[in-house]
Amino acid sequence: MATTDNSSYIAPNNFRNKKALLIGINYIGHPQFNLNGCINDTRNAFKLLTEHFHYKAENIRILTDDQTDSTKRPIAASIRASIQWLVDGVQPGDSLFFEFSGHGHQVKDDNGDEDDGLDEVLLPCDYNSGGGFIRDDSLYELLVKPIPVGAHLTVLMDCCHSGTGLDLPFIFSVNSTITTRSAVEIQIVQEQQQQQQQQQQQQQAEPEKKKLSVRDRLKRRVNAKLTQKISLTNSTQAAVPTRTRLFGDALVIAFSGCLDNQTSADTTIRGQAQGAMTNAFLKALQDSNFNISYYQLLANIRQILDSQRRYSQIPQLSYYKEPFPYNQLFSI
């Protein structure tokens, strides 16, 4: 079990700078793939950020496919450029927010880092006209890796197959079965974290992939067997990573609309087309008067969706740094 370490957590209203990137794609002009609520999701998120979390409008970039300016349309190139804009210059004490509402999909894993053999991908509005899709590996490289220690990145992914859409190493589960790790497994994880800097330097210095040692092969085999469940028992948590990806110290948190093998609903609520996950996320915050812990926020999101009895999707919360401040106030 791990105790909560709040060294990278920043309380609400204590951030230095704030920036946000909101992406909503209704796939206008693609009737077979058309969605109705994704652009509204970005508008609702913009209202949340500016009215309740003190984001300045000039520090929020919105990409939607109802715009004619190509730089403001969520084509693949604009999405990548806008992510670069979001992370550019980020410093400790800053808060970044990234939202994607649109189509998610799965394709064959191209580098062997997925346990299920599938990469999760986002579909830009030009996915079938030269833009292609954006893999979770690319999102990790573009969006997660640049975040320094002491900065926050919060992600909301309202799309299908989004459970591990950022390739973050830990998943938080409410009321999950307790999962334990042996002392050997714990030591392996600790060694991976301690050797992060050294391994990154070696990868940069050695362009040719060298044969793994017996010890490295053993570590990879053991790590591949670990489950992703996280337990909450008596205000403690047990986190078990599965990925061989190196762990970081930045506080990166992703709320996803569903498991990797599920779909996220595009629906109509109170007369407005919107994503079921985005609506539940916003409602859970509003019902708590924006004063709620990460743990309770995830639990309430799930309860809201479950209470409506028409959604089978199970929202997920994944993160980059262990231990995770699950009992601290949600902060963006």
C-alpha atoms as a PDB file:
ATOM      1  CA  MET A   1       0.000   0.000   0.000  1.00  0.00           C
ATOM      2  CA  ALA A   2       1.139   3.542  -0.657  1.00  0.00           C
ATOM      3  CA  THR A   3       0.528   6.723   1.251  1.00  0.00           C
ATOM      4  CA  THR A   4      -0.496   9.887  -0.503  1.00  0.00           C
ATOM      5  CA  ASP A   5       2.352  12.153  -1.519  1.00  0.00           C
ATOM      6  CA  ASN A   6       1.127  15.632  -2.373  1.00  0.00           C
ATOM      7  CA  SER A   7       4.464  17.091  -3.468  1.00  0.00           C
ATOM      8  CA  SER A   8       3.222  17.690  -7.044  1.00  0.00           C
ATOM      9  CA  TYR A   9      -0.349  18.584  -6.124  1.00  0.00           C
ATOM     10  CA  ILE A  10      -1.359  22.256  -6.323  1.00  0.00           C
ATOM     11  CA  ALA A  11      -4.500  23.377  -4.529  1.00  0.00           C
ATOM     12  CA  PRO A  12      -7.265  25.216  -6.418  1.00  0.00           C
ATOM     13  CA  ASN A  13      -6.601  28.912  -7.179  1.00  0.00           C
ATOM     14  CA  ASN A  14      -2.861  28.540  -6.532  1.00  0.00           C
ATOM     15  CA  PHE A  15      -1.726  28.037 -10.112  1.00  0.00           C
ATOM     16  CA  ARG A  16       0.710  30.395 -11.798  1.00  0.00           C
ATOM     17  CA  ASN A  17      -0.623  30.261 -15.371  1.00  0.00           C
ATOM     18  CA  LYS A  18      -3.498  28.390 -17.042  1.00  0.00           C
ATOM     19  CA  LYS A  19      -4.010  27.276 -20.646  1.00  0.00           C
ATOM     20  CA  ALA A  20      -6.565  25.011 -22.295  1.00  0.00           C
ATOM     21  CA  LEU A  21      -7.155  23.264 -25.613  1.00  0.00           C
ATOM     22  CA  LEU A  22     -10.737  22.179 -26.378  1.00  0.00           C
ATOM     23  CA  ILE A  23     -11.465  19.983 -29.400  1.00  0.00           C
ATOM     24  CA  GLY A  24     -14.974  19.078 -30.551  1.00  0.00           C
ATOM     25  CA  ILE A  25     -15.687  17.239 -33.817  1.00  0.00           C
ATOM     26  CA  ASN A  26     -19.197  16.544 -35.121  1.00  0.00           C
ATOM     27  CA  TYR A  27     -17.773  15.220 -38.442  1.00  0.00           C
ATOM     28  CA  ILE A  28     -19.848  17.630 -40.465  1.00  0.00           C
ATOM     29  CA  GLY A  29     -20.135  16.395 -44.041  1.00  0.00           C
ATOM     30  CA  HIS A  30     -19.648  12.762 -43.034  1.00  0.00           C
ATOM     31  CA  PRO A  31     -23.235  11.552 -42.533  1.00  0.00           C
ATOM     32  CA  GLN A  32     -22.220   7.968 -41.808  1.00  0.00           C
ATOM     33  CA  PHE A  33     -20.000   9.122 -38.931  1.00  0.00           C
ATOM     34  CA  ASN A  34     -21.845  12.265 -37.875  1.00  0.00           C
ATOM     35  CA  LEU A  35     -22.071  13.175 -34.172  1.00  0.00           C
ATOM     36  CA  ASN A  36     -24.260  15.888 -32.692  1.00  0.00           C
ATOM     37  CA  GLY A  37     -22.946  16.932 -29.289  1.00  0.00           C
ATOM     38  CA  CYS A  38     -19.188  17.288 -29.543  1.00  0.00           C
ATOM     39  CA  ILE A  39     -19.058  20.972 -30.466  1.00  0.00           C
ATOM     40  CA  ASN A  40     -21.479  21.699 -27.621  1.00  0.00           C
ATOM     41  CA  ASP A  41     -19.116  19.832 -25.297  1.00  0.00           C
ATOM     42  CA  THR A  42     -16.350  22.328 -26.069  1.00  0.00           C
ATOM     43  CA  ARG A  43     -18.707  25.260 -25.453  1.00  0.00           C
ATOM     44  CA  ASN A  44     -19.791  23.807 -22.121  1.00  0.00           C
ATOM     45  CA  ALA A  45     -16.175  23.151 -21.139  1.00  0.00           C
ATOM     46  CA  PHE A  46     -15.228  26.721 -22.096  1.00  0.00           C
ATOM     47  CA  LYS A  47     -17.978  28.022 -19.819  1.00  0.00           C
ATOM     48  CA  LEU A  48     -16.752  25.792 -16.978  1.00  0.00           C
ATOM     49  CA  LEU A  49     -13.162  26.962 -17.295  1.00  0.00           C
ATOM     50  CA  THR A  50     -13.871  30.684 -17.615  1.00  0.00           C
ATOM     51  CA  GLU A  51     -16.707  30.985 -15.100  1.00  0.00           C
ATOM     52  CA  HIS A  52     -15.569  28.636 -12.353  1.00  0.00           C
ATOM     53  CA  PHE A  53     -11.828  27.990 -12.700  1.00  0.00           C
ATOM     54  CA  HIS A  54     -10.592  31.455 -13.707  1.00  0.00           C
ATOM     55  CA  TYR A  55      -9.184  30.592 -17.133  1.00  0.00           C
ATOM     56  CA  LYS A  56      -8.795  33.595 -19.409  1.00  0.00           C
ATOM     57  CA  ALA A  57     -10.516  33.329 -22.779  1.00  0.00           C
ATOM     58  CA  GLU A  58      -7.347  34.401 -24.591  1.00  0.00           C
ATOM     59  CA  ASN A  59      -5.540  31.396 -23.079  1.00  0.00           C
ATOM     60  CA  ILE A  60      -8.070  28.888 -24.421  1.00  0.00           C
ATOM     61  CA  ARG A  61      -7.844  27.528 -27.961  1.00  0.00           C
ATOM     62  CA  ILE A  62     -10.943  25.875 -29.453  1.00  0.00           C
ATOM     63  CA  LEU A  63     -10.904  23.603 -32.498  1.00  0.00           C
ATOM     64  CA  THR A  64     -14.296  22.660 -33.963  1.00  0.00           C
ATOM     65  CA  ASP A  65     -15.305  21.535 -37.433  1.00  0.00           C
ATOM     66  CA  ASP A  66     -17.983  24.185 -37.882  1.00  0.00           C
ATOM     67  CA  GLN A  67     -15.237  26.779 -38.481  1.00  0.00           C
ATOM     68  CA  THR A  68     -13.859  27.749 -41.884  1.00  0.00           C
ATOM     69  CA  ASP A  69     -10.382  28.852 -40.748  1.00  0.00           C
ATOM     70  CA  SER A  70      -8.166  25.791 -41.245  1.00  0.00           C
ATOM     71  CA  THR A  71      -6.085  26.698 -38.192  1.00  0.00           C
ATOM     72  CA  LYS A  72      -9.230  26.469 -36.065  1.00  0.00           C
ATOM     73  CA  ARG A  73     -10.543  23.270 -37.605  1.00  0.00           C
ATOM     74  CA  PRO A  74      -9.586  19.988 -35.887  1.00  0.00           C
ATOM     75  CA  ILE A  75      -7.649  18.501 -38.786  1.00  0.00           C
ATOM     76  CA  ALA A  76      -4.722  16.332 -37.742  1.00  0.00           C
ATOM     77  CA  ALA A  77      -2.103  18.993 -38.425  1.00  0.00           C
ATOM     78  CA  SER A  78      -3.992  21.647 -36.447  1.00  0.00           C
ATOM     79  CA  ILE A  79      -4.513  19.292 -33.510  1.00  0.00           C
ATOM     80  CA  ARG A  80      -0.796  18.513 -33.324  1.00  0.00           C
ATOM     81  CA  ALA A  81       0.140  22.180 -33.686  1.00  0.00           C
ATOM     82  CA  SER A  82      -2.362  23.185 -31.019  1.00  0.00           C
ATOM     83  CA  ILE A  83      -1.046  20.577 -28.583  1.00  0.00           C
ATOM     84  CA  GLN A  84       2.398  22.073 -29.148  1.00  0.00           C
ATOM     85  CA  TRP A  85       0.920  25.507 -28.410  1.00  0.00           C
ATOM     86  CA  LEU A  86      -0.640  24.138 -25.210  1.00  0.00           C
ATOM     87  CA  VAL A  87       2.555  22.668 -23.756  1.00  0.00           C
ATOM     88  CA  ASP A  88       4.917  25.320 -25.070  1.00  0.00           C
ATOM     89  CA  GLY A  89       6.571  27.150 -22.192  1.00  0.00           C
ATOM     90  CA  VAL A  90       4.813  25.192 -19.448  1.00  0.00           C
ATOM     91  CA  GLN A  91       6.501  25.691 -16.086  1.00  0.00           C
ATOM     92  CA  PRO A  92       6.104  24.308 -12.559  1.00  0.00           C
ATOM     93  CA  GLY A  93       3.007  25.851 -11.032  1.00  0.00           C
ATOM     94  CA  ASP A  94       1.081  25.937 -14.328  1.00  0.00           C
ATOM     95  CA  SER A  95      -2.202  24.165 -15.074  1.00  0.00           C
ATOM     96  CA  LEU A  96      -3.117  22.819 -18.509  1.00  0.00           C
ATOM     97  CA  PHE A  97      -6.477  21.393 -19.573  1.00  0.00           C
ATOM     98  CA  PHE A  98      -7.060  19.298 -22.699  1.00  0.00           C
ATOM     99  CA  GLU A  99     -10.460  18.107 -23.916  1.00  0.00           C
ATOM    100  CA  PHE A 100     -11.256  15.887 -26.890  1.00  0.00           C
ATOM    101  CA  SER A 101     -14.858  15.126 -27.827  1.00  0.00           C
ATOM    102  CA  GLY A 102     -15.279  13.118 -31.002  1.00  0.00           C
ATOM    103  CA  HIS A 103     -14.639   9.668 -32.415  1.00  0.00           C
ATOM    104  CA  GLY A 104     -12.138   7.305 -30.852  1.00  0.00           C
ATOM    105  CA  HIS A 105     -11.124   4.008 -32.407  1.00  0.00           C
ATOM    106  CA  GLN A 106      -8.670   1.119 -32.054  1.00  0.00           C
ATOM    107  CA  VAL A 107      -6.057  -0.041 -34.552  1.00  0.00           C
ATOM    108  CA  LYS A 108      -3.331  -2.656 -34.498  1.00  0.00           C
ATOM    109  CA  ASP A 109      -0.493  -1.781 -32.125  1.00  0.00           C
ATOM    110  CA  ASP A 110       2.554  -0.841 -34.178  1.00  0.00           C
ATOM    111  CA  ASN A 111       5.309  -1.047 -31.551  1.00  0.00           C
ATOM    112  CA  GLY A 112       4.378  -3.861 -29.150  1.00  0.00           C
ATOM    113  CA  ASP A 113       3.590  -1.721 -26.084  1.00  0.00           C
ATOM    114  CA  GLU A 114      -0.098  -2.663 -25.760  1.00  0.00           C
ATOM    115  CA  ASP A 115      -1.195  -5.701 -23.739  1.00  0.00           C
ATOM    116  CA  ASP A 116      -4.265  -6.179 -25.942  1.00  0.00           C
ATOM    117  CA  GLY A 117      -2.373  -5.612 -29.189  1.00  0.00           C
ATOM    118  CA  LEU A 118      -4.386  -2.481 -30.000  1.00  0.00           C
ATOM    119  CA  ASP A 119      -3.541   1.221 -29.992  1.00  0.00           C
ATOM    120  CA  GLU A 120      -6.268   3.691 -29.069  1.00  0.00           C
ATOM    121  CA  VAL A 121      -6.562   6.520 -31.609  1.00  0.00           C
ATOM    122  CA  LEU A 122      -8.377   9.829 -32.078  1.00  0.00           C
ATOM    123  CA  LEU A 123     -10.019  10.644 -35.399  1.00  0.00           C
ATOM    124  CA  PRO A 124      -9.478  14.220 -36.651  1.00  0.00           C
ATOM    125  CA  CYS A 125     -12.083  15.630 -39.018  1.00  0.00           C
ATOM    126  CA  ASP A 126      -9.752  14.882 -41.974  1.00  0.00           C
ATOM    127  CA  TYR A 127      -9.014  11.316 -40.899  1.00  0.00           C
ATOM    128  CA  ASN A 128     -10.261   9.923 -44.249  1.00  0.00           C
ATOM    129  CA  SER A 129      -8.798  12.619 -46.477  1.00  0.00           C
ATOM    130  CA  GLY A 130      -5.101  12.486 -45.731  1.00  0.00           C
ATOM    131  CA  GLY A 131      -4.980  13.408 -42.057  1.00  0.00           C
ATOM    132  CA  GLY A 132      -5.156   9.884 -40.695  1.00  0.00           C
ATOM    133  CA  PHE A 133      -5.553   9.233 -36.984  1.00  0.00           C
ATOM    134  CA  ILE A 134      -3.574  10.195 -33.891  1.00  0.00           C
ATOM    135  CA  ARG A 135      -2.296   7.250 -31.858  1.00  0.00           C
ATOM    136  CA  ASP A 136      -2.135   7.135 -28.070  1.00  0.00           C
ATOM    137  CA  ASP A 137       1.656   6.826 -28.416  1.00  0.00           C
ATOM    138  CA  SER A 138       1.741  10.155 -30.255  1.00  0.00           C
ATOM    139  CA  LEU A 139      -0.493  11.810 -27.658  1.00  0.00           C
ATOM    140  CA  TYR A 140       1.830  10.612 -24.931  1.00  0.00           C
ATOM    141  CA  GLU A 141       4.873  12.032 -26.704  1.00  0.00           C
ATOM    142  CA  LEU A 142       3.223  15.343 -27.624  1.00  0.00           C
ATOM    143  CA  LEU A 143       1.073  16.028 -24.586  1.00  0.00           C
ATOM    144  CA  VAL A 144       2.389  14.107 -21.579  1.00  0.00           C
ATOM    145  CA  LYS A 145       6.174  13.978 -21.841  1.00  0.00           C
ATOM    146  CA  PRO A 146       6.716  17.776 -21.971  1.00  0.00           C
ATOM    147  CA  ILE A 147       4.946  18.362 -18.615  1.00  0.00           C
ATOM    148  CA  PRO A 148       7.541  19.218 -15.939  1.00  0.00           C
ATOM    149  CA  VAL A 149       7.447  18.285 -12.281  1.00  0.00           C
ATOM    150  CA  GLY A 150       5.247  20.754 -10.418  1.00  0.00           C
ATOM    151  CA  ALA A 151       2.841  21.381 -13.308  1.00  0.00           C
ATOM    152  CA  HIS A 152      -0.652  19.924 -13.747  1.00  0.00           C
ATOM    153  CA  LEU A 153      -2.185  18.474 -16.893  1.00  0.00           C
ATOM    154  CA  THR A 154      -5.852  17.445 -16.731  1.00  0.00           C
ATOM    155  CA  VAL A 155      -7.406  15.648 -19.698  1.00  0.00           C
ATOM    156  CA  LEU A 156     -11.052  14.921 -20.516  1.00  0.00           C
ATOM    157  CA  MET A 157     -11.527  12.360 -23.297  1.00  0.00           C
ATOM    158  CA  ASP A 158     -15.161  11.915 -24.327  1.00  0.00           C
ATOM    159  CA  CYS A 159     -14.750   9.362 -27.076  1.00  0.00           C
ATOM    160  CA  CYS A 160     -15.010   5.637 -27.667  1.00  0.00           C
ATOM    161  CA  HIS A 161     -12.175   3.276 -26.642  1.00  0.00           C
ATOM    162  CA  SER A 162     -10.600   5.984 -24.476  1.00  0.00           C
ATOM    163  CA  GLY A 163      -9.766   4.142 -21.237  1.00  0.00           C
ATOM    164  CA  THR A 164      -6.006   4.184 -21.832  1.00  0.00           C
ATOM    165  CA  GLY A 165      -6.082   6.839 -24.530  1.00  0.00           C
ATOM    166  CA  LEU A 166      -3.006   8.625 -23.156  1.00  0.00           C
ATOM    167  CA  ASP A 167      -0.979   5.508 -22.331  1.00  0.00           C
ATOM    168  CA  LEU A 168      -0.680   6.588 -18.698  1.00  0.00           C
ATOM    169  CA  PRO A 169       0.741   3.819 -16.503  1.00  0.00           C
ATOM    170  CA  PHE A 170      -1.823   3.811 -13.668  1.00  0.00           C
ATOM    171  CA  ILE A 171      -5.604   3.450 -13.575  1.00  0.00           C
ATOM    172  CA  PHE A 172      -7.678   4.384 -10.535  1.00  0.00           C
ATOM    173  CA  SER A 173     -10.649   2.121  -9.851  1.00  0.00           C
ATOM    174  CA  VAL A 174     -13.496   2.798  -7.427  1.00  0.00           C
ATOM    175  CA  ASN A 175     -14.539  -0.259  -5.397  1.00  0.00           C
ATOM    176  CA  SER A 176     -12.141  -2.545  -7.219  1.00  0.00           C
ATOM    177  CA  THR A 177     -10.882  -5.894  -5.994  1.00  0.00           C
ATOM    178  CA  ILE A 178      -7.753  -5.559  -3.871  1.00  0.00           C
ATOM    179  CA  THR A 179      -4.661  -6.329  -5.897  1.00  0.00           C
ATOM    180  CA  THR A 180      -1.369  -6.996  -4.140  1.00  0.00           C
ATOM    181  CA  ARG A 181       2.185  -7.037  -5.401  1.00  0.00           C
ATOM    182  CA  SER A 182       5.051  -9.158  -4.223  1.00  0.00           C
ATOM    183  CA  ALA A 183       8.158  -7.501  -2.819  1.00  0.00           C
ATOM    184  CA  VAL A 184       9.984  -8.439  -6.020  1.00  0.00           C
ATOM    185  CA  GLU A 185       7.338  -6.749  -8.186  1.00  0.00           C
ATOM    186  CA  ILE A 186       7.403  -3.601  -6.038  1.00  0.00           C
ATOM    187  CA  GLN A 187      11.186  -3.469  -6.278  1.00  0.00           C
ATOM    188  CA  ILE A 188      10.995  -3.831 -10.053  1.00  0.00           C
ATOM    189  CA  VAL A 189       8.642  -0.851 -10.312  1.00  0.00           C
ATOM    190  CA  GLN A 190      10.824   1.215  -7.994  1.00  0.00           C
ATOM    191  CA  GLU A 191      13.916   0.379 -10.022  1.00  0.00           C
ATOM    192  CA  GLN A 192      12.160   1.436 -13.216  1.00  0.00           C
ATOM    193  CA  GLN A 193      11.330   4.788 -11.706  1.00  0.00           C
ATOM    194  CA  GLN A 194      14.827   5.314 -10.289  1.00  0.00           C
ATOM    195  CA  GLN A 195      16.469   4.426 -13.585  1.00  0.00           C
ATOM    196  CA  GLN A 196      14.211   6.605 -15.749  1.00  0.00           C
ATOM    197  CA  GLN A 197      16.807   9.295 -16.376  1.00  0.00           C
ATOM    198  CA  GLN A 198      19.569   6.811 -17.067  1.00  0.00           C
ATOM    199  CA  GLN A 199      17.479   4.755 -19.491  1.00  0.00           C
ATOM    200  CA  GLN A 200      16.331   7.818 -21.415  1.00  0.00           C
ATOM    201  CA  GLN A 201      19.930   8.953 -21.827  1.00  0.00           C
ATOM    202  CA  GLN A 202      20.965   5.502 -22.986  1.00  0.00           C
ATOM    203  CA  GLN A 203      18.158   5.404 -25.550  1.00  0.00           C
ATOM    204  CA  GLN A 204      19.279   8.734 -26.962  1.00  0.00           C
ATOM    205  CA  ALA A 205      22.939   7.710 -27.062  1.00  0.00           C
ATOM    206  CA  GLU A 206      22.376   4.256 -28.561  1.00  0.00           C
ATOM    207  CA  PRO A 207      20.392   4.488 -31.810  1.00  0.00           C
ATOM    208  CA  GLU A 208      20.677   0.766 -32.433  1.00  0.00           C
ATOM    209  CA  LYS A 209      18.547  -1.456 -30.233  1.00  0.00           C
ATOM    210  CA  LYS A 210      20.801  -3.713 -28.178  1.00  0.00           C
ATOM    211  CA  LYS A 211      20.040  -7.196 -26.972  1.00  0.00           C
ATOM    212  CA  LEU A 212      18.265  -7.197 -23.608  1.00  0.00           C
ATOM    213  CA  SER A 213      20.062  -8.698 -20.636  1.00  0.00           C
ATOM    214  CA  VAL A 214      18.548 -11.614 -18.729  1.00  0.00           C
ATOM    215  CA  ARG A 215      17.633  -9.205 -15.909  1.00  0.00           C
ATOM    216  CA  ASP A 216      15.844  -6.781 -18.285  1.00  0.00           C
ATOM    217  CA  ARG A 217      13.916  -9.610 -19.921  1.00  0.00           C
ATOM    218  CA  LEU A 218      12.813 -10.864 -16.492  1.00  0.00           C
ATOM    219  CA  LYS A 219      11.709  -7.370 -15.473  1.00  0.00           C
ATOM    220  CA  ARG A 220       9.630  -6.990 -18.620  1.00  0.00           C
ATOM    221  CA  ARG A 221       7.979 -10.386 -18.175  1.00  0.00           C
ATOM    222  CA  VAL A 222       7.055  -9.698 -14.546  1.00  0.00           C
ATOM    223  CA  ASN A 223       5.844  -6.185 -15.323  1.00  0.00           C
ATOM    224  CA  ALA A 224       3.661  -7.480 -18.156  1.00  0.00           C
ATOM    225  CA  LYS A 225       1.804  -9.725 -15.712  1.00  0.00           C
ATOM    226  CA  LEU A 226       0.837  -6.982 -13.312  1.00  0.00           C
ATOM    227  CA  THR A 227      -2.801  -5.877 -13.366  1.00  0.00           C
ATOM    228  CA  GLN A 228      -3.915  -2.271 -13.763  1.00  0.00           C
ATOM    229  CA  LYS A 229      -6.363  -2.272 -10.861  1.00  0.00           C
ATOM    230  CA  ILE A 230      -6.047   0.183  -8.009  1.00  0.00           C
ATOM    231  CA  SER A 231      -7.737  -0.405  -4.687  1.00  0.00           C
ATOM    232  CA  LEU A 232      -9.088   2.075  -2.199  1.00  0.00           C
ATOM    233  CA  THR A 233      -9.092   0.704   1.339  1.00  0.00           C
ATOM    234  CA  ASN A 234      -8.965   2.753   4.544  1.00  0.00           C
ATOM    235  CA  SER A 235      -7.761   5.851   2.689  1.00  0.00           C
ATOM    236  CA  THR A 236      -4.837   4.036   1.085  1.00  0.00           C
ATOM    237  CA  GLN A 237      -4.348   2.788  -2.439  1.00  0.00           C
ATOM    238  CA  ALA A 238      -2.476  -0.013  -4.164  1.00  0.00           C
ATOM    239  CA  ALA A 239      -1.449   0.800  -7.722  1.00  0.00           C
ATOM    240  CA  VAL A 240      -0.216  -1.783 -10.156  1.00  0.00           C
ATOM    241  CA  PRO A 241       1.210  -0.624 -13.497  1.00  0.00           C
ATOM    242  CA  THR A 242       1.351  -2.899 -16.513  1.00  0.00           C
ATOM    243  CA  ARG A 243       3.179  -0.857 -19.087  1.00  0.00           C
ATOM    244  CA  THR A 244       6.900  -0.903 -19.663  1.00  0.00           C
ATOM    245  CA  ARG A 245       6.703   2.836 -20.392  1.00  0.00           C
ATOM    246  CA  LEU A 246       8.851   4.855 -18.001  1.00  0.00           C
ATOM    247  CA  PHE A 247       6.972   6.649 -15.272  1.00  0.00           C
ATOM    248  CA  GLY A 248       7.239  10.375 -14.664  1.00  0.00           C
ATOM    249  CA  ASP A 249       6.816  12.741 -11.749  1.00  0.00           C
ATOM    250  CA  ALA A 250       4.444  15.298 -13.281  1.00  0.00           C
ATOM    251  CA  LEU A 251       0.810  15.290 -12.157  1.00  0.00           C
ATOM    252  CA  VAL A 252      -1.016  14.185 -15.307  1.00  0.00           C
ATOM    253  CA  ILE A 253      -4.611  13.045 -14.875  1.00  0.00           C
ATOM    254  CA  ALA A 254      -7.026  11.800 -17.533  1.00  0.00           C
ATOM    255  CA  PHE A 255     -10.778  11.301 -17.192  1.00  0.00           C
ATOM    256  CA  SER A 256     -11.948   8.987 -19.988  1.00  0.00           C
ATOM    257  CA  GLY A 257     -15.484   8.214 -21.081  1.00  0.00           C
ATOM    258  CA  CYS A 258     -15.207   4.442 -21.082  1.00  0.00           C
ATOM    259  CA  LEU A 259     -13.055   1.338 -21.042  1.00  0.00           C
ATOM    260  CA  ASP A 260     -10.854   0.584 -24.038  1.00  0.00           C
ATOM    261  CA  ASN A 261     -13.372  -1.964 -25.324  1.00  0.00           C
ATOM    262  CA  GLN A 262     -16.421   0.265 -24.847  1.00  0.00           C
ATOM    263  CA  THR A 263     -18.136   3.138 -26.636  1.00  0.00           C
ATOM    264  CA  SER A 264     -19.040   6.573 -25.258  1.00  0.00           C
ATOM    265  CA  ALA A 265     -22.528   7.895 -25.896  1.00  0.00           C
ATOM    266  CA  ASP A 266     -23.430  10.944 -27.958  1.00  0.00           C
ATOM    267  CA  THR A 267     -26.850  11.884 -26.575  1.00  0.00           C
ATOM    268  CA  THR A 268     -29.392  14.615 -25.898  1.00  0.00           C
ATOM    269  CA  ILE A 269     -29.847  15.865 -22.336  1.00  0.00           C
ATOM    270  CA  ARG A 270     -32.295  18.618 -21.407  1.00  0.00           C
ATOM    271  CA  GLY A 271     -32.797  19.402 -25.080  1.00  0.00           C
ATOM    272  CA  GLN A 272     -29.085  19.828 -25.893  1.00  0.00           C
ATOM    273  CA  ALA A 273     -26.953  17.396 -27.871  1.00  0.00           C
ATOM    274  CA  GLN A 274     -23.838  16.565 -25.866  1.00  0.00           C
ATOM    275  CA  GLY A 275     -21.539  13.761 -24.804  1.00  0.00           C
ATOM    276  CA  ALA A 276     -22.827  11.696 -21.888  1.00  0.00           C
ATOM    277  CA  MET A 277     -19.386  11.696 -20.247  1.00  0.00           C
ATOM    278  CA  THR A 278     -18.864  15.450 -20.563  1.00  0.00           C
ATOM    279  CA  ASN A 279     -22.321  16.105 -19.172  1.00  0.00           C
ATOM    280  CA  ALA A 280     -21.719  13.795 -16.194  1.00  0.00           C
ATOM    281  CA  PHE A 281     -18.297  15.382 -15.567  1.00  0.00           C
ATOM    282  CA  LEU A 282     -19.775  18.898 -15.536  1.00  0.00           C
ATOM    283  CA  LYS A 283     -22.837  17.896 -13.497  1.00  0.00           C
ATOM    284  CA  ALA A 284     -20.722  16.156 -10.837  1.00  0.00           C
ATOM    285  CA  LEU A 285     -18.661  19.331 -10.436  1.00  0.00           C
ATOM    286  CA  GLN A 286     -21.714  21.592 -10.370  1.00  0.00           C
ATOM    287  CA  ASP A 287     -23.594  19.418  -7.863  1.00  0.00           C
ATOM    288  CA  SER A 288     -20.617  19.612  -5.506  1.00  0.00           C
ATOM    289  CA  ASN A 289     -20.318  23.378  -5.941  1.00  0.00           C
ATOM    290  CA  PHE A 290     -16.909  22.650  -7.504  1.00  0.00           C
ATOM    291  CA  ASN A 291     -15.592  21.351  -4.190  1.00  0.00           C
ATOM    292  CA  ILE A 292     -14.930  17.646  -4.640  1.00  0.00           C
ATOM    293  CA  SER A 293     -12.049  15.173  -4.421  1.00  0.00           C
ATOM    294  CA  TYR A 294     -10.730  13.258  -7.412  1.00  0.00           C
ATOM    295  CA  TYR A 295     -11.996  10.013  -5.901  1.00  0.00           C
ATOM    296  CA  GLN A 296     -15.501  11.358  -5.289  1.00  0.00           C
ATOM    297  CA  LEU A 297     -15.608  13.031  -8.693  1.00  0.00           C
ATOM    298  CA  LEU A 298     -15.003   9.728 -10.472  1.00  0.00           C
ATOM    299  CA  ALA A 299     -17.532   7.959  -8.249  1.00  0.00           C
ATOM    300  CA  ASN A 300     -20.171  10.643  -8.879  1.00  0.00           C
ATOM    301  CA  ILE A 301     -19.589  10.633 -12.642  1.00  0.00           C
ATOM    302  CA  ARG A 302     -20.215   6.902 -12.689  1.00  0.00           C
ATOM    303  CA  GLN A 303     -23.272   7.252 -10.466  1.00  0.00           C
ATOM    304  CA  ILE A 304     -24.774   9.915 -12.734  1.00  0.00           C
ATOM    305  CA  LEU A 305     -24.364   7.754 -15.823  1.00  0.00           C
ATOM    306  CA  ASP A 306     -25.624   4.656 -14.027  1.00  0.00           C
ATOM    307  CA  SER A 307     -28.692   6.454 -12.666  1.00  0.00           C
ATOM    308  CA  GLN A 308     -29.859   7.303 -16.180  1.00  0.00           C
ATOM    309  CA  ARG A 309     -30.013   3.551 -16.957  1.00  0.00           C
ATOM    310  CA  ARG A 310     -29.197   3.897 -20.624  1.00  0.00           C
ATOM    311  CA  TYR A 311     -25.420   4.017 -20.597  1.00  0.00           C
ATOM    312  CA  SER A 312     -23.201   0.965 -20.235  1.00  0.00           C
ATOM    313  CA  GLN A 313     -19.937   2.909 -20.449  1.00  0.00           C
ATOM    314  CA  ILE A 314     -17.676   2.948 -17.374  1.00  0.00           C
ATOM    315  CA  PRO A 315     -15.639   6.171 -17.064  1.00  0.00           C
ATOM    316  CA  GLN A 316     -11.983   5.792 -16.164  1.00  0.00           C
ATOM    317  CA  LEU A 317      -9.391   7.877 -14.333  1.00  0.00           C
ATOM    318  CA  SER A 318      -5.767   7.257 -15.279  1.00  0.00           C
ATOM    319  CA  TYR A 319      -2.667   9.083 -14.118  1.00  0.00           C
ATOM    320  CA  TYR A 320       1.084   9.426 -14.453  1.00  0.00           C
ATOM    321  CA  LYS A 321       2.433   9.773 -10.932  1.00  0.00           C
ATOM    322  CA  GLU A 322       2.166   7.263  -8.098  1.00  0.00           C
ATOM    323  CA  PRO A 323       1.069   7.783  -5.363  1.00  0.00           C
ATOM    324  CA  PHE A 324      -1.932   9.769  -6.564  1.00  0.00           C
ATOM    325  CA  PRO A 325      -3.638  12.519  -4.469  1.00  0.00           C
ATOM    326  CA  TYR A 326      -7.070  10.902  -4.827  1.00  0.00           C
ATOM    327  CA  ASN A 327      -8.415  12.465  -1.618  1.00  0.00           C
ATOM    328  CA  GLN A 328      -7.390  16.030  -2.535  1.00  0.00           C
ATOM    329  CA  LEU A 329      -9.767  18.550  -4.108  1.00  0.00           C
ATOM    330  CA  PHE A 330     -10.109  18.408  -7.874  1.00  0.00           C
ATOM    331  CA  SER A 331      -7.874  21.208  -9.107  1.00  0.00           C
ATOM    332  CA  ILE A 332      -7.419  22.697 -12.588  1.00  0.00           C
END
